[in-house]
Amino acid sequence: MGQHIDIKVPDIGVVGGWLARPDGAPRGALVVVQEIFGVNAHMRSVADGYARDGFLALAPAFFDPVERGVELDYGEDGFRRGRELVGALGFDRALAIVDAAARFLRTSLDNAHGEASAAAAGPQRPRVGVVGFCWGGSVALLANTRHGLPAVSYYGARNVSFLDEPLRAPMMFHFGERDGSIPAPDIARHRDAYPAAAIHVYPAGHAFNRDVDPRAWEPASARLAHERTLQLFHDALH
């Protein structure tokens, strides 16, 4: 279902990614923002899953500007290296990659639907959304506040540094009530900052959507969060 591709990012260069296409005409497109472990087998499967849901899904390899082809596991070395790469990349370059990925997806949608121009959709029908996990959840929030893209943020612990930035599109947050990196007071800060956003808390810990990690995965919570995520994008991208 998916394939490796390259996209051009202004002022950065070529960045790889995993592009998953639905069987029929796309119902919209999603930029899938990785955890700190790169576009590994799990993130490719997440993109493939959104394609099965009918979306054109692109998971850019965000670490490529620092180190190409990063795929980390979930051991201590993976966590350590992932944090180093996140720090070396920075949010500004991450958002430039999101923007380039969104432009690529809009062009792909135009080609799929035979439309003349992505710009014809206008700001009311962006057709491209962003969903991100962990570090990627914070990138998703910033894609909303800085690029006006509908977004869903899964357990983005770094969100709290950016809660003074106003939302510019529909926004949803998913948190685990046992997630030590995002305690209840921080979740309350999200509610105070973004009263119009959909904010959901689950009987789970951090990374509850990571189905390849039995220490983290909470299938019931992951399933419900996914259903809610699909509903937001169904409403926002149609």
C-alpha atoms as a PDB file:
ATOM      1  CA  MET A   1       0.000   0.000   0.000  1.00  0.00           C
ATOM      2  CA  GLY A   2       2.837   2.403   0.797  1.00  0.00           C
ATOM      3  CA  GLN A   3       6.056   3.418  -0.930  1.00  0.00           C
ATOM      4  CA  HIS A   4       9.181   5.419  -0.189  1.00  0.00           C
ATOM      5  CA  ILE A   5       9.266   8.829  -1.857  1.00  0.00           C
ATOM      6  CA  ASP A   6      11.318  12.031  -1.721  1.00  0.00           C
ATOM      7  CA  ILE A   7       9.979  15.552  -1.339  1.00  0.00           C
ATOM      8  CA  LYS A   8      11.822  18.838  -1.779  1.00  0.00           C
ATOM      9  CA  VAL A   9      11.818  21.179   1.191  1.00  0.00           C
ATOM     10  CA  PRO A  10      12.872  24.784   0.523  1.00  0.00           C
ATOM     11  CA  ASP A  11      16.115  25.776   2.269  1.00  0.00           C
ATOM     12  CA  ILE A  12      16.532  22.226   3.580  1.00  0.00           C
ATOM     13  CA  GLY A  13      16.788  19.908   0.598  1.00  0.00           C
ATOM     14  CA  VAL A  14      15.399  16.471  -0.145  1.00  0.00           C
ATOM     15  CA  VAL A  15      13.560  14.649   2.630  1.00  0.00           C
ATOM     16  CA  GLY A  16      12.329  11.097   2.323  1.00  0.00           C
ATOM     17  CA  GLY A  17       8.974   9.793   3.411  1.00  0.00           C
ATOM     18  CA  TRP A  18       6.468   6.954   3.328  1.00  0.00           C
ATOM     19  CA  LEU A  19       3.449   7.636   1.121  1.00  0.00           C
ATOM     20  CA  ALA A  20       0.378   5.427   1.533  1.00  0.00           C
ATOM     21  CA  ARG A  21      -2.455   5.664  -0.995  1.00  0.00           C
ATOM     22  CA  PRO A  22      -6.058   4.568  -0.488  1.00  0.00           C
ATOM     23  CA  ASP A  23      -7.670   2.132  -2.889  1.00  0.00           C
ATOM     24  CA  GLY A  24     -10.145   4.678  -4.228  1.00  0.00           C
ATOM     25  CA  ALA A  25     -10.263   8.435  -4.562  1.00  0.00           C
ATOM     26  CA  PRO A  26      -8.821  10.055  -1.413  1.00  0.00           C
ATOM     27  CA  ARG A  27     -11.250  11.613   1.035  1.00  0.00           C
ATOM     28  CA  GLY A  28      -8.484  14.042   2.022  1.00  0.00           C
ATOM     29  CA  ALA A  29      -4.820  13.866   2.941  1.00  0.00           C
ATOM     30  CA  LEU A  30      -2.825  13.643   6.158  1.00  0.00           C
ATOM     31  CA  VAL A  31       0.720  14.485   7.137  1.00  0.00           C
ATOM     32  CA  VAL A  32       1.657  11.847   9.724  1.00  0.00           C
ATOM     33  CA  VAL A  33       4.263  13.145  12.162  1.00  0.00           C
ATOM     34  CA  GLN A  34       6.463  10.530  13.767  1.00  0.00           C
ATOM     35  CA  GLU A  35       7.477   9.922  17.344  1.00  0.00           C
ATOM     36  CA  ILE A  36      11.140  10.427  18.210  1.00  0.00           C
ATOM     37  CA  PHE A  37      12.018   7.054  16.653  1.00  0.00           C
ATOM     38  CA  GLY A  38      11.906   8.046  12.984  1.00  0.00           C
ATOM     39  CA  VAL A  39       9.726   6.579  10.261  1.00  0.00           C
ATOM     40  CA  ASN A  40      10.137   3.028  11.481  1.00  0.00           C
ATOM     41  CA  ALA A  41       7.875   0.052  10.774  1.00  0.00           C
ATOM     42  CA  HIS A  42       5.285   1.277  13.283  1.00  0.00           C
ATOM     43  CA  MET A  43       4.974   4.736  11.735  1.00  0.00           C
ATOM     44  CA  ARG A  44       4.722   3.222   8.264  1.00  0.00           C
ATOM     45  CA  SER A  45       1.908   1.020   9.525  1.00  0.00           C
ATOM     46  CA  VAL A  46       0.153   4.084  10.994  1.00  0.00           C
ATOM     47  CA  ALA A  47       0.280   5.800   7.597  1.00  0.00           C
ATOM     48  CA  ASP A  48      -0.948   2.606   5.918  1.00  0.00           C
ATOM     49  CA  GLY A  49      -3.836   2.515   8.369  1.00  0.00           C
ATOM     50  CA  TYR A  50      -4.960   6.016   7.449  1.00  0.00           C
ATOM     51  CA  ALA A  51      -4.802   4.997   3.787  1.00  0.00           C
ATOM     52  CA  ARG A  52      -7.137   2.106   4.570  1.00  0.00           C
ATOM     53  CA  ASP A  53      -9.422   4.704   6.133  1.00  0.00           C
ATOM     54  CA  GLY A  54      -9.499   6.504   2.779  1.00  0.00           C
ATOM     55  CA  PHE A  55      -6.842   9.184   3.241  1.00  0.00           C
ATOM     56  CA  LEU A  56      -3.709   9.869   1.246  1.00  0.00           C
ATOM     57  CA  ALA A  57      -1.134   9.685   4.059  1.00  0.00           C
ATOM     58  CA  LEU A  58       2.469  10.869   4.043  1.00  0.00           C
ATOM     59  CA  ALA A  59       4.897  10.243   6.909  1.00  0.00           C
ATOM     60  CA  PRO A  60       7.947  12.441   6.191  1.00  0.00           C
ATOM     61  CA  ALA A  61      11.326  11.331   7.506  1.00  0.00           C
ATOM     62  CA  PHE A  62      11.775  14.379   9.717  1.00  0.00           C
ATOM     63  CA  PHE A  63      15.266  13.465  10.840  1.00  0.00           C
ATOM     64  CA  ASP A  64      16.684  13.360   7.295  1.00  0.00           C
ATOM     65  CA  PRO A  65      18.179  16.870   7.526  1.00  0.00           C
ATOM     66  CA  VAL A  66      20.245  15.601  10.469  1.00  0.00           C
ATOM     67  CA  GLU A  67      20.691  11.921   9.604  1.00  0.00           C
ATOM     68  CA  ARG A  68      19.019  10.071   6.751  1.00  0.00           C
ATOM     69  CA  GLY A  69      17.015   6.902   7.125  1.00  0.00           C
ATOM     70  CA  VAL A  70      16.696   6.873  10.908  1.00  0.00           C
ATOM     71  CA  GLU A  71      14.667   3.973  12.313  1.00  0.00           C
ATOM     72  CA  LEU A  72      15.057   3.488  16.065  1.00  0.00           C
ATOM     73  CA  ASP A  73      13.724   0.866  18.434  1.00  0.00           C
ATOM     74  CA  TYR A  74      12.151   1.466  21.832  1.00  0.00           C
ATOM     75  CA  GLY A  75      15.119   0.643  24.036  1.00  0.00           C
ATOM     76  CA  GLU A  76      17.152   3.148  26.025  1.00  0.00           C
ATOM     77  CA  ASP A  77      19.557   3.735  23.138  1.00  0.00           C
ATOM     78  CA  GLY A  78      16.616   4.519  20.868  1.00  0.00           C
ATOM     79  CA  PHE A  79      15.163   7.000  23.339  1.00  0.00           C
ATOM     80  CA  ARG A  80      18.525   8.682  23.833  1.00  0.00           C
ATOM     81  CA  ARG A  81      19.283   8.988  20.128  1.00  0.00           C
ATOM     82  CA  GLY A  82      15.752  10.118  19.326  1.00  0.00           C
ATOM     83  CA  ARG A  83      15.961  12.955  21.839  1.00  0.00           C
ATOM     84  CA  GLU A  84      19.300  14.013  20.378  1.00  0.00           C
ATOM     85  CA  LEU A  85      17.868  14.095  16.870  1.00  0.00           C
ATOM     86  CA  VAL A  86      14.798  16.070  17.965  1.00  0.00           C
ATOM     87  CA  GLY A  87      17.067  18.660  19.546  1.00  0.00           C
ATOM     88  CA  ALA A  88      19.299  18.852  16.492  1.00  0.00           C
ATOM     89  CA  LEU A  89      16.356  19.229  14.087  1.00  0.00           C
ATOM     90  CA  GLY A  90      14.373  21.889  15.953  1.00  0.00           C
ATOM     91  CA  PHE A  91      10.753  22.858  15.458  1.00  0.00           C
ATOM     92  CA  ASP A  92      11.363  25.397  12.688  1.00  0.00           C
ATOM     93  CA  ARG A  93      12.801  22.810  10.312  1.00  0.00           C
ATOM     94  CA  ALA A  94      10.134  20.317  11.344  1.00  0.00           C
ATOM     95  CA  LEU A  95       7.414  22.794  10.378  1.00  0.00           C
ATOM     96  CA  ALA A  96       9.121  23.536   7.060  1.00  0.00           C
ATOM     97  CA  ILE A  97       8.915  19.809   6.336  1.00  0.00           C
ATOM     98  CA  VAL A  98       5.224  19.748   7.308  1.00  0.00           C
ATOM     99  CA  ASP A  99       4.551  22.649   4.958  1.00  0.00           C
ATOM    100  CA  ALA A 100       6.367  20.973   2.054  1.00  0.00           C
ATOM    101  CA  ALA A 101       4.565  17.694   2.748  1.00  0.00           C
ATOM    102  CA  ALA A 102       1.189  19.470   2.793  1.00  0.00           C
ATOM    103  CA  ARG A 103       1.962  21.127  -0.542  1.00  0.00           C
ATOM    104  CA  PHE A 104       2.961  17.772  -2.016  1.00  0.00           C
ATOM    105  CA  LEU A 105      -0.281  16.230  -0.806  1.00  0.00           C
ATOM    106  CA  ARG A 106      -2.416  19.049  -2.191  1.00  0.00           C
ATOM    107  CA  THR A 107      -0.826  18.593  -5.604  1.00  0.00           C
ATOM    108  CA  SER A 108      -1.414  14.840  -5.367  1.00  0.00           C
ATOM    109  CA  LEU A 109      -5.064  15.437  -4.502  1.00  0.00           C
ATOM    110  CA  ASP A 110      -5.423  17.789  -7.457  1.00  0.00           C
ATOM    111  CA  ASN A 111      -4.027  15.126  -9.742  1.00  0.00           C
ATOM    112  CA  ALA A 112      -6.270  12.446  -8.252  1.00  0.00           C
ATOM    113  CA  HIS A 113      -9.403  14.552  -8.656  1.00  0.00           C
ATOM    114  CA  GLY A 114      -8.441  16.329 -11.880  1.00  0.00           C
ATOM    115  CA  GLU A 115      -8.650  19.770 -10.298  1.00  0.00           C
ATOM    116  CA  ALA A 116      -6.840  22.725 -11.794  1.00  0.00           C
ATOM    117  CA  SER A 117      -5.092  24.028  -8.717  1.00  0.00           C
ATOM    118  CA  ALA A 118      -4.687  23.272  -5.023  1.00  0.00           C
ATOM    119  CA  ALA A 119      -5.161  26.965  -4.373  1.00  0.00           C
ATOM    120  CA  ALA A 120      -8.705  26.754  -5.738  1.00  0.00           C
ATOM    121  CA  ALA A 121      -9.756  24.936  -2.578  1.00  0.00           C
ATOM    122  CA  GLY A 122      -9.189  28.102  -0.580  1.00  0.00           C
ATOM    123  CA  PRO A 123      -8.702  28.443   3.164  1.00  0.00           C
ATOM    124  CA  GLN A 124     -12.151  27.085   3.989  1.00  0.00           C
ATOM    125  CA  ARG A 125     -11.329  23.618   2.555  1.00  0.00           C
ATOM    126  CA  PRO A 126      -7.677  22.890   3.339  1.00  0.00           C
ATOM    127  CA  ARG A 127      -8.093  19.195   2.468  1.00  0.00           C
ATOM    128  CA  VAL A 128      -4.842  18.404   4.282  1.00  0.00           C
ATOM    129  CA  GLY A 129      -4.619  17.719   7.998  1.00  0.00           C
ATOM    130  CA  VAL A 130      -1.828  16.750  10.376  1.00  0.00           C
ATOM    131  CA  VAL A 131      -1.743  13.983  12.964  1.00  0.00           C
ATOM    132  CA  GLY A 132       1.264  13.565  15.223  1.00  0.00           C
ATOM    133  CA  PHE A 133       2.410  11.363  18.083  1.00  0.00           C
ATOM    134  CA  CYS A 134       4.536  12.287  21.128  1.00  0.00           C
ATOM    135  CA  TRP A 135       7.057  14.824  19.767  1.00  0.00           C
ATOM    136  CA  GLY A 136       4.993  14.726  16.583  1.00  0.00           C
ATOM    137  CA  GLY A 137       1.935  15.680  18.615  1.00  0.00           C
ATOM    138  CA  SER A 138       3.568  18.999  19.414  1.00  0.00           C
ATOM    139  CA  VAL A 139       4.547  19.462  15.773  1.00  0.00           C
ATOM    140  CA  ALA A 140       0.888  18.864  14.902  1.00  0.00           C
ATOM    141  CA  LEU A 141      -0.207  21.606  17.306  1.00  0.00           C
ATOM    142  CA  LEU A 142       2.253  24.038  15.703  1.00  0.00           C
ATOM    143  CA  ALA A 143       1.085  23.037  12.227  1.00  0.00           C
ATOM    144  CA  ASN A 144      -2.323  24.292  13.351  1.00  0.00           C
ATOM    145  CA  THR A 145      -1.223  27.517  15.042  1.00  0.00           C
ATOM    146  CA  ARG A 146       1.398  28.492  12.435  1.00  0.00           C
ATOM    147  CA  HIS A 147       0.111  26.979   9.187  1.00  0.00           C
ATOM    148  CA  GLY A 148      -3.623  26.829   9.817  1.00  0.00           C
ATOM    149  CA  LEU A 149      -3.931  23.086   9.278  1.00  0.00           C
ATOM    150  CA  PRO A 150      -6.560  20.957  11.054  1.00  0.00           C
ATOM    151  CA  ALA A 151      -4.624  18.779  13.461  1.00  0.00           C
ATOM    152  CA  VAL A 152      -4.754  15.991  16.007  1.00  0.00           C
ATOM    153  CA  SER A 153      -2.112  15.788  18.725  1.00  0.00           C
ATOM    154  CA  TYR A 154      -1.492  12.518  20.528  1.00  0.00           C
ATOM    155  CA  TYR A 155       0.198  12.952  23.940  1.00  0.00           C
ATOM    156  CA  GLY A 156       2.373  15.900  22.943  1.00  0.00           C
ATOM    157  CA  ALA A 157       4.254  16.693  26.144  1.00  0.00           C
ATOM    158  CA  ARG A 158       6.043  19.635  24.535  1.00  0.00           C
ATOM    159  CA  ASN A 159       2.720  21.361  23.827  1.00  0.00           C
ATOM    160  CA  VAL A 160       2.826  23.316  27.065  1.00  0.00           C
ATOM    161  CA  SER A 161       5.549  25.612  25.701  1.00  0.00           C
ATOM    162  CA  PHE A 162       3.229  26.797  22.935  1.00  0.00           C
ATOM    163  CA  LEU A 163      -0.171  27.168  24.554  1.00  0.00           C
ATOM    164  CA  ASP A 164      -0.041  30.939  24.086  1.00  0.00           C
ATOM    165  CA  GLU A 165      -0.345  30.468  20.301  1.00  0.00           C
ATOM    166  CA  PRO A 166      -3.953  30.707  19.083  1.00  0.00           C
ATOM    167  CA  LEU A 167      -5.512  27.913  17.074  1.00  0.00           C
ATOM    168  CA  ARG A 168      -6.304  28.611  13.428  1.00  0.00           C
ATOM    169  CA  ALA A 169      -8.195  25.425  12.516  1.00  0.00           C
ATOM    170  CA  PRO A 170     -10.037  22.522  14.182  1.00  0.00           C
ATOM    171  CA  MET A 171      -7.872  20.850  16.835  1.00  0.00           C
ATOM    172  CA  MET A 172      -8.063  17.669  18.901  1.00  0.00           C
ATOM    173  CA  PHE A 173      -5.848  16.393  21.717  1.00  0.00           C
ATOM    174  CA  HIS A 174      -5.526  12.865  23.102  1.00  0.00           C
ATOM    175  CA  PHE A 175      -3.919  12.247  26.510  1.00  0.00           C
ATOM    176  CA  GLY A 176      -3.444   9.300  28.833  1.00  0.00           C
ATOM    177  CA  GLU A 177      -4.419   9.887  32.437  1.00  0.00           C
ATOM    178  CA  ARG A 178      -1.398   7.828  33.586  1.00  0.00           C
ATOM    179  CA  ASP A 179       1.066   9.694  31.367  1.00  0.00           C
ATOM    180  CA  GLY A 180       3.714  11.100  33.696  1.00  0.00           C
ATOM    181  CA  SER A 181       5.055  13.407  31.003  1.00  0.00           C
ATOM    182  CA  ILE A 182       1.705  15.229  30.769  1.00  0.00           C
ATOM    183  CA  PRO A 183       0.211  15.452  34.287  1.00  0.00           C
ATOM    184  CA  ALA A 184      -3.334  16.557  34.952  1.00  0.00           C
ATOM    185  CA  PRO A 185      -2.407  20.228  35.558  1.00  0.00           C
ATOM    186  CA  ASP A 186      -0.846  20.382  32.088  1.00  0.00           C
ATOM    187  CA  ILE A 187      -3.975  18.900  30.541  1.00  0.00           C
ATOM    188  CA  ALA A 188      -5.999  21.531  32.394  1.00  0.00           C
ATOM    189  CA  ARG A 189      -3.772  24.198  30.860  1.00  0.00           C
ATOM    190  CA  HIS A 190      -4.746  22.899  27.418  1.00  0.00           C
ATOM    191  CA  ARG A 191      -8.421  23.230  28.311  1.00  0.00           C
ATOM    192  CA  ASP A 192      -7.897  26.785  29.549  1.00  0.00           C
ATOM    193  CA  ALA A 193      -5.883  27.792  26.486  1.00  0.00           C
ATOM    194  CA  TYR A 194      -8.110  26.118  23.885  1.00  0.00           C
ATOM    195  CA  PRO A 195     -11.734  25.927  25.035  1.00  0.00           C
ATOM    196  CA  ALA A 196     -12.891  25.265  21.460  1.00  0.00           C
ATOM    197  CA  ALA A 197     -10.601  22.264  20.987  1.00  0.00           C
ATOM    198  CA  ALA A 198     -11.675  18.669  21.551  1.00  0.00           C
ATOM    199  CA  ILE A 199      -9.605  17.326  24.464  1.00  0.00           C
ATOM    200  CA  HIS A 200      -9.907  13.662  25.431  1.00  0.00           C
ATOM    201  CA  VAL A 201      -8.309  11.781  28.322  1.00  0.00           C
ATOM    202  CA  TYR A 202      -8.090   7.978  28.352  1.00  0.00           C
ATOM    203  CA  PRO A 203      -7.388   5.325  31.014  1.00  0.00           C
ATOM    204  CA  ALA A 204      -3.917   4.830  29.578  1.00  0.00           C
ATOM    205  CA  GLY A 205      -0.315   5.931  29.775  1.00  0.00           C
ATOM    206  CA  HIS A 206       2.003   7.565  27.286  1.00  0.00           C
ATOM    207  CA  ALA A 207       2.165   6.222  23.709  1.00  0.00           C
ATOM    208  CA  PHE A 208      -1.038   4.221  24.107  1.00  0.00           C
ATOM    209  CA  ASN A 209      -1.423   4.109  20.309  1.00  0.00           C
ATOM    210  CA  ARG A 210       1.921   2.306  19.813  1.00  0.00           C
ATOM    211  CA  ASP A 211       0.592  -1.168  19.080  1.00  0.00           C
ATOM    212  CA  VAL A 212       4.070  -2.683  18.620  1.00  0.00           C
ATOM    213  CA  ASP A 213       5.009  -1.886  22.227  1.00  0.00           C
ATOM    214  CA  PRO A 214       3.110  -4.013  24.784  1.00  0.00           C
ATOM    215  CA  ARG A 215       4.385  -1.774  27.590  1.00  0.00           C
ATOM    216  CA  ALA A 216       2.500   1.185  26.145  1.00  0.00           C
ATOM    217  CA  TRP A 217      -0.353  -0.025  23.959  1.00  0.00           C
ATOM    218  CA  GLU A 218      -3.882   0.320  25.290  1.00  0.00           C
ATOM    219  CA  PRO A 219      -6.073  -1.080  22.503  1.00  0.00           C
ATOM    220  CA  ALA A 220      -9.444   0.190  23.717  1.00  0.00           C
ATOM    221  CA  SER A 221      -8.122   3.715  24.198  1.00  0.00           C
ATOM    222  CA  ALA A 222      -6.271   3.615  20.885  1.00  0.00           C
ATOM    223  CA  ARG A 223      -9.386   2.461  19.052  1.00  0.00           C
ATOM    224  CA  LEU A 224     -11.591   5.190  20.534  1.00  0.00           C
ATOM    225  CA  ALA A 225      -8.989   7.886  19.908  1.00  0.00           C
ATOM    226  CA  HIS A 226      -8.690   6.749  16.306  1.00  0.00           C
ATOM    227  CA  GLU A 227     -12.444   6.905  15.786  1.00  0.00           C
ATOM    228  CA  ARG A 228     -12.528  10.429  17.171  1.00  0.00           C
ATOM    229  CA  THR A 229      -9.554  11.429  15.026  1.00  0.00           C
ATOM    230  CA  LEU A 230     -11.268  10.177  11.875  1.00  0.00           C
ATOM    231  CA  GLN A 231     -14.389  12.140  12.776  1.00  0.00           C
ATOM    232  CA  LEU A 232     -12.439  15.385  13.145  1.00  0.00           C
ATOM    233  CA  PHE A 233     -10.766  14.940   9.784  1.00  0.00           C
ATOM    234  CA  HIS A 234     -14.018  13.854   8.153  1.00  0.00           C
ATOM    235  CA  ASP A 235     -15.603  17.118   9.346  1.00  0.00           C
ATOM    236  CA  ALA A 236     -12.599  19.369   8.726  1.00  0.00           C
ATOM    237  CA  LEU A 237     -11.439  18.101   5.336  1.00  0.00           C
ATOM    238  CA  HIS A 238     -14.779  17.698   3.551  1.00  0.00           C
END
